[in-house]
C-alpha atoms as a PDB file:
ATOM      1  CA  MET A   1      65.678  91.768 120.862  1.00  0.00           C
ATOM      2  CA  ASP A   2      63.501  88.877 121.996  1.00  0.00           C
ATOM      3  CA  GLU A   3      60.787  87.540 119.797  1.00  0.00           C
ATOM      4  CA  ILE A   4      57.457  89.279 120.148  1.00  0.00           C
ATOM      5  CA  SER A   5      55.076  86.399 119.630  1.00  0.00           C
ATOM      6  CA  THR A   6      53.899  84.316 122.551  1.00  0.00           C
ATOM      7  CA  ASN A   7      54.810  81.074 120.805  1.00  0.00           C
ATOM      8  CA  ASN A   8      58.190  80.191 119.402  1.00  0.00           C
ATOM      9  CA  ASP A   9      60.606  77.296 119.554  1.00  0.00           C
ATOM     10  CA  LYS A  10      61.154  77.875 123.281  1.00  0.00           C
ATOM     11  CA  GLY A  11      57.593  76.860 124.170  1.00  0.00           C
ATOM     12  CA  LYS A  12      54.836  79.013 125.545  1.00  0.00           C
ATOM     13  CA  LEU A  13      54.783  81.852 128.013  1.00  0.00           C
ATOM     14  CA  SER A  14      53.934  81.140 131.630  1.00  0.00           C
ATOM     15  CA  THR A  15      50.296  81.301 132.684  1.00  0.00           C
ATOM     16  CA  ASP A  16      50.870  84.624 134.456  1.00  0.00           C
ATOM     17  CA  SER A  17      52.108  86.132 131.168  1.00  0.00           C
ATOM     18  CA  GLU A  18      48.891  85.451 129.260  1.00  0.00           C
ATOM     19  CA  GLY A  19      47.480  88.602 127.730  1.00  0.00           C
ATOM     20  CA  LEU A  20      50.636  90.622 128.471  1.00  0.00           C
ATOM     21  CA  GLY A  21      52.433  90.129 125.165  1.00  0.00           C
ATOM     22  CA  ALA A  22      54.239  92.887 123.352  1.00  0.00           C
ATOM     23  CA  TRP A  23      53.264  93.938 119.862  1.00  0.00           C
ATOM     24  CA  GLY A  24      55.043  95.491 116.947  1.00  0.00           C
ATOM     25  CA  ASP A  25      57.685  94.556 114.415  1.00  0.00           C
ATOM     26  CA  LYS A  26      61.466  94.663 114.127  1.00  0.00           C
ATOM     27  CA  THR A  27      61.515  98.463 113.957  1.00  0.00           C
ATOM     28  CA  PHE A  28      59.071  99.361 116.724  1.00  0.00           C
ATOM     29  CA  VAL A  29      57.912  97.301 119.703  1.00  0.00           C
ATOM     30  CA  VAL A  30      55.447  98.293 122.405  1.00  0.00           C
ATOM     31  CA  GLY A  31      55.321  96.635 125.816  1.00  0.00           C
ATOM     32  CA  HIS A  32      58.331  94.335 125.615  1.00  0.00           C
ATOM     33  CA  VAL A  33      59.449  93.195 129.080  1.00  0.00           C
ATOM     34  CA  SER A  34      61.791  90.231 128.787  1.00  0.00           C
ATOM     35  CA  GLU A  35      60.859  88.625 132.104  1.00  0.00           C
ATOM     36  CA  VAL A  36      57.112  89.091 131.481  1.00  0.00           C
ATOM     37  CA  ASN A  37      56.660  88.391 127.778  1.00  0.00           C
ATOM     38  CA  GLY A  38      60.101  87.753 126.309  1.00  0.00           C
ATOM     39  CA  SER A  39      62.755  85.079 126.399  1.00  0.00           C
ATOM     40  CA  GLU A  40      62.987  85.083 130.206  1.00  0.00           C
ATOM     41  CA  ALA A  41      59.263  84.376 130.576  1.00  0.00           C
ATOM     42  CA  TYR A  42      59.207  81.145 128.596  1.00  0.00           C
ATOM     43  CA  GLU A  43      58.512  77.954 130.405  1.00  0.00           C
ATOM     44  CA  GLU A  44      58.020  77.575 134.078  1.00  0.00           C
ATOM     45  CA  VAL A  45      60.518  75.236 135.712  1.00  0.00           C
ATOM     46  CA  PRO A  46      58.575  72.535 137.586  1.00  0.00           C
ATOM     47  CA  GLU A  47      61.788  70.601 138.264  1.00  0.00           C
ATOM     48  CA  PHE A  48      62.864  73.353 140.662  1.00  0.00           C
ATOM     49  CA  VAL A  49      60.823  73.946 143.778  1.00  0.00           C
ATOM     50  CA  PRO A  50      61.806  77.088 145.698  1.00  0.00           C
ATOM     51  CA  THR A  51      62.286  76.990 149.436  1.00  0.00           C
ATOM     52  CA  LYS A  52      60.201  79.290 151.604  1.00  0.00           C
ATOM     53  CA  HIS A  53      63.157  81.662 151.874  1.00  0.00           C
ATOM     54  CA  GLU A  54      63.472  81.780 148.075  1.00  0.00           C
ATOM     55  CA  LEU A  55      59.735  82.336 147.700  1.00  0.00           C
ATOM     56  CA  ILE A  56      59.999  85.322 150.040  1.00  0.00           C
ATOM     57  CA  GLN A  57      62.849  86.697 147.877  1.00  0.00           C
ATOM     58  CA  ILE A  58      60.677  86.323 144.776  1.00  0.00           C
ATOM     59  CA  ALA A  59      57.846  88.184 146.511  1.00  0.00           C
ATOM     60  CA  LYS A  60      60.273  90.960 147.475  1.00  0.00           C
ATOM     61  CA  TYR A  61      61.551  91.195 143.923  1.00  0.00           C
ATOM     62  CA  TRP A  62      58.103  91.569 142.349  1.00  0.00           C
ATOM     63  CA  PHE A  63      56.794  93.875 145.058  1.00  0.00           C
ATOM     64  CA  LEU A  64      59.844  96.132 144.572  1.00  0.00           C
ATOM     65  CA  ARG A  65      59.346  96.184 140.790  1.00  0.00           C
ATOM     66  CA  GLN A  66      55.721  97.177 141.298  1.00  0.00           C
ATOM     67  CA  LEU A  67      56.659  99.799 143.899  1.00  0.00           C
ATOM     68  CA  GLU A  68      59.305 101.316 141.602  1.00  0.00           C
ATOM     69  CA  ASN A  69      56.760 101.653 138.801  1.00  0.00           C
ATOM     70  CA  ASP A  70      54.082 103.083 141.086  1.00  0.00           C
ATOM     71  CA  PHE A  71      56.451 105.569 142.686  1.00  0.00           C
ATOM     72  CA  PHE A  72      57.787 106.682 139.303  1.00  0.00           C
ATOM     73  CA  PHE A  73      54.208 107.395 138.264  1.00  0.00           C
ATOM     74  CA  PHE A  74      53.650 109.299 141.520  1.00  0.00           C
ATOM     75  CA  VAL A  75      56.770 111.422 141.017  1.00  0.00           C
ATOM     76  CA  PHE A  76      56.537 112.118 137.283  1.00  0.00           C
ATOM     77  CA  ALA A  77      52.830 111.489 136.502  1.00  0.00           C
ATOM     78  CA  GLN A  78      53.919 109.286 133.597  1.00  0.00           C
ATOM     79  CA  THR A  79      53.869 105.597 132.847  1.00  0.00           C
ATOM     80  CA  GLY A  80      53.913 103.280 129.855  1.00  0.00           C
ATOM     81  CA  SER A  81      52.673  99.973 128.570  1.00  0.00           C
ATOM     82  CA  SER A  82      55.781  98.127 129.768  1.00  0.00           C
ATOM     83  CA  GLU A  83      55.206  99.318 133.333  1.00  0.00           C
ATOM     84  CA  TRP A  84      51.554  98.299 133.080  1.00  0.00           C
ATOM     85  CA  ARG A  85      52.602  94.802 131.976  1.00  0.00           C
ATOM     86  CA  GLU A  86      55.188  94.558 134.764  1.00  0.00           C
ATOM     87  CA  ASN A  87      52.616  95.609 137.384  1.00  0.00           C
ATOM     88  CA  VAL A  88      49.973  93.159 136.190  1.00  0.00           C
ATOM     89  CA  TYR A  89      52.522  90.349 136.117  1.00  0.00           C
ATOM     90  CA  ALA A  90      53.926  91.348 139.517  1.00  0.00           C
ATOM     91  CA  SER A  91      50.415  91.350 141.011  1.00  0.00           C
ATOM     92  CA  LEU A  92      49.738  87.881 139.650  1.00  0.00           C
ATOM     93  CA  ARG A  93      53.018  86.545 141.041  1.00  0.00           C
ATOM     94  CA  ILE A  94      52.516  88.211 144.432  1.00  0.00           C
ATOM     95  CA  ASN A  95      48.936  86.940 144.642  1.00  0.00           C
ATOM     96  CA  ARG A  96      50.092  83.384 143.939  1.00  0.00           C
ATOM     97  CA  ILE A  97      52.752  83.686 146.627  1.00  0.00           C
ATOM     98  CA  ALA A  98      50.161  85.165 149.029  1.00  0.00           C
ATOM     99  CA  GLN A  99      48.250  81.887 148.764  1.00  0.00           C
ATOM    100  CA  ILE A 100      51.317  80.071 150.126  1.00  0.00           C
ATOM    101  CA  LEU A 101      52.818  82.440 152.700  1.00  0.00           C
ATOM    102  CA  SER A 102      50.972  83.455 155.821  1.00  0.00           C
ATOM    103  CA  GLU A 103      49.532  86.958 156.031  1.00  0.00           C
ATOM    104  CA  PRO A 104      52.135  88.034 158.632  1.00  0.00           C
ATOM    105  CA  GLU A 105      54.954  86.745 156.401  1.00  0.00           C
ATOM    106  CA  LEU A 106      53.620  88.635 153.389  1.00  0.00           C
ATOM    107  CA  ASN A 107      53.089  91.786 155.458  1.00  0.00           C
ATOM    108  CA  GLN A 108      56.706  91.544 156.624  1.00  0.00           C
ATOM    109  CA  VAL A 109      57.846  91.305 152.993  1.00  0.00           C
ATOM    110  CA  ILE A 110      55.909  94.457 152.141  1.00  0.00           C
ATOM    111  CA  GLU A 111      57.191  96.329 155.195  1.00  0.00           C
ATOM    112  CA  GLU A 112      60.816  95.432 154.439  1.00  0.00           C
ATOM    113  CA  VAL A 113      60.603  96.398 150.784  1.00  0.00           C
ATOM    114  CA  GLU A 114      58.891  99.690 151.588  1.00  0.00           C
ATOM    115  CA  ARG A 115      61.342 100.500 154.401  1.00  0.00           C
ATOM    116  CA  ASP A 116      64.367  99.809 152.203  1.00  0.00           C
ATOM    117  CA  PHE A 117      62.871 101.712 149.267  1.00  0.00           C
ATOM    118  CA  LYS A 118      62.182 104.776 151.431  1.00  0.00           C
ATOM    119  CA  ARG A 119      65.695 104.665 152.882  1.00  0.00           C
ATOM    120  CA  GLU A 120      67.447 104.143 149.550  1.00  0.00           C
ATOM    121  CA  HIS A 121      65.560 106.985 147.845  1.00  0.00           C
ATOM    122  CA  LYS A 122      65.565 109.263 150.915  1.00  0.00           C
ATOM    123  CA  ILE A 123      61.776 109.646 150.876  1.00  0.00           C
ATOM    124  CA  SER A 124      60.349 111.710 153.720  1.00  0.00           C
ATOM    125  CA  ASP A 125      57.463 110.421 155.825  1.00  0.00           C
ATOM    126  CA  ALA A 126      55.301 113.290 154.494  1.00  0.00           C
ATOM    127  CA  ASP A 127      56.015 112.371 150.856  1.00  0.00           C
ATOM    128  CA  TRP A 128      55.466 108.695 151.614  1.00  0.00           C
ATOM    129  CA  ASP A 129      52.120 109.523 153.217  1.00  0.00           C
ATOM    130  CA  THR A 130      51.130 111.537 150.150  1.00  0.00           C
ATOM    131  CA  PHE A 131      52.149 108.616 147.930  1.00  0.00           C
ATOM    132  CA  ASN A 132      50.067 106.156 149.947  1.00  0.00           C
ATOM    133  CA  ASN A 133      47.128 108.283 151.052  1.00  0.00           C
ATOM    134  CA  GLY A 134      47.196 111.504 149.055  1.00  0.00           C
ATOM    135  CA  THR A 135      44.374 112.865 146.953  1.00  0.00           C
ATOM    136  CA  MET A 136      44.668 113.286 143.197  1.00  0.00           C
ATOM    137  CA  GLU A 137      45.286 116.991 143.796  1.00  0.00           C
ATOM    138  CA  GLN A 138      48.171 116.209 146.184  1.00  0.00           C
ATOM    139  CA  TRP A 139      49.661 113.799 143.654  1.00  0.00           C
ATOM    140  CA  GLU A 140      49.387 116.399 140.890  1.00  0.00           C
ATOM    141  CA  SER A 141      50.972 119.017 143.141  1.00  0.00           C
ATOM    142  CA  TYR A 142      53.855 116.667 143.966  1.00  0.00           C
ATOM    143  CA  ALA A 143      54.452 115.868 140.282  1.00  0.00           C
ATOM    144  CA  ALA A 144      54.354 119.577 139.375  1.00  0.00           C
ATOM    145  CA  LYS A 145      56.891 120.332 142.126  1.00  0.00           C
ATOM    146  CA  THR A 146      59.131 117.515 140.896  1.00  0.00           C
ATOM    147  CA  TRP A 147      59.021 118.755 137.305  1.00  0.00           C
ATOM    148  CA  GLN A 148      59.770 122.304 138.459  1.00  0.00           C
ATOM    149  CA  GLU A 149      62.809 121.094 140.424  1.00  0.00           C
ATOM    150  CA  PHE A 150      63.954 119.030 137.440  1.00  0.00           C
ATOM    151  CA  GLU A 151      63.642 122.019 135.103  1.00  0.00           C
ATOM    152  CA  CYS A 152      65.606 124.206 137.555  1.00  0.00           C
ATOM    153  CA  GLN A 153      68.380 121.595 137.707  1.00  0.00           C
ATOM    154  CA  GLN A 154      68.460 121.447 133.903  1.00  0.00           C
ATOM    155  CA  ALA A 155      68.680 125.248 133.725  1.00  0.00           C
ATOM    156  CA  ASP A 156      71.505 125.261 136.278  1.00  0.00           C
ATOM    157  CA  THR A 157      73.367 122.588 134.320  1.00  0.00           C
ATOM    158  CA  THR A 158      73.006 124.484 131.053  1.00  0.00           C
ATOM    159  CA  ALA A 159      74.091 127.755 132.659  1.00  0.00           C
ATOM    160  CA  THR A 160      77.330 126.234 133.981  1.00  0.00           C
ATOM    161  CA  GLU A 161      78.335 124.669 130.653  1.00  0.00           C
END
């Protein structure tokens, strides 16, 4: 497991990682996300300047991570401190990239990630609309339906064993 402190022999965490450190000890750690506050987050690399294409890929990566966390919360009505840290970090990275890319370029990134996510997870337009525009009651109803389906699948699995 990576070290928990924000300072070790590798240097210091990137600016976007400030305030997102994990806490705990060797037996129990809360909020550890290697690329946000662990070994992968140490030291930015100023010697390497990404091309515009690479910057767009980075934006896609962090937007997808954020979308996965948000959609998981929508489906299961659960989240954790690691997901919170990932989302804060992702927002900071995306906002920095948004200062470089044009608005149409960033909108295209978002559209592509959302389109691919919907396709990969076979999300209906109605469910996607609820995710994006639904009320708290609609979200709760969706999560309850998901849990009910999950419990039915578990019952079916146990019955066939």
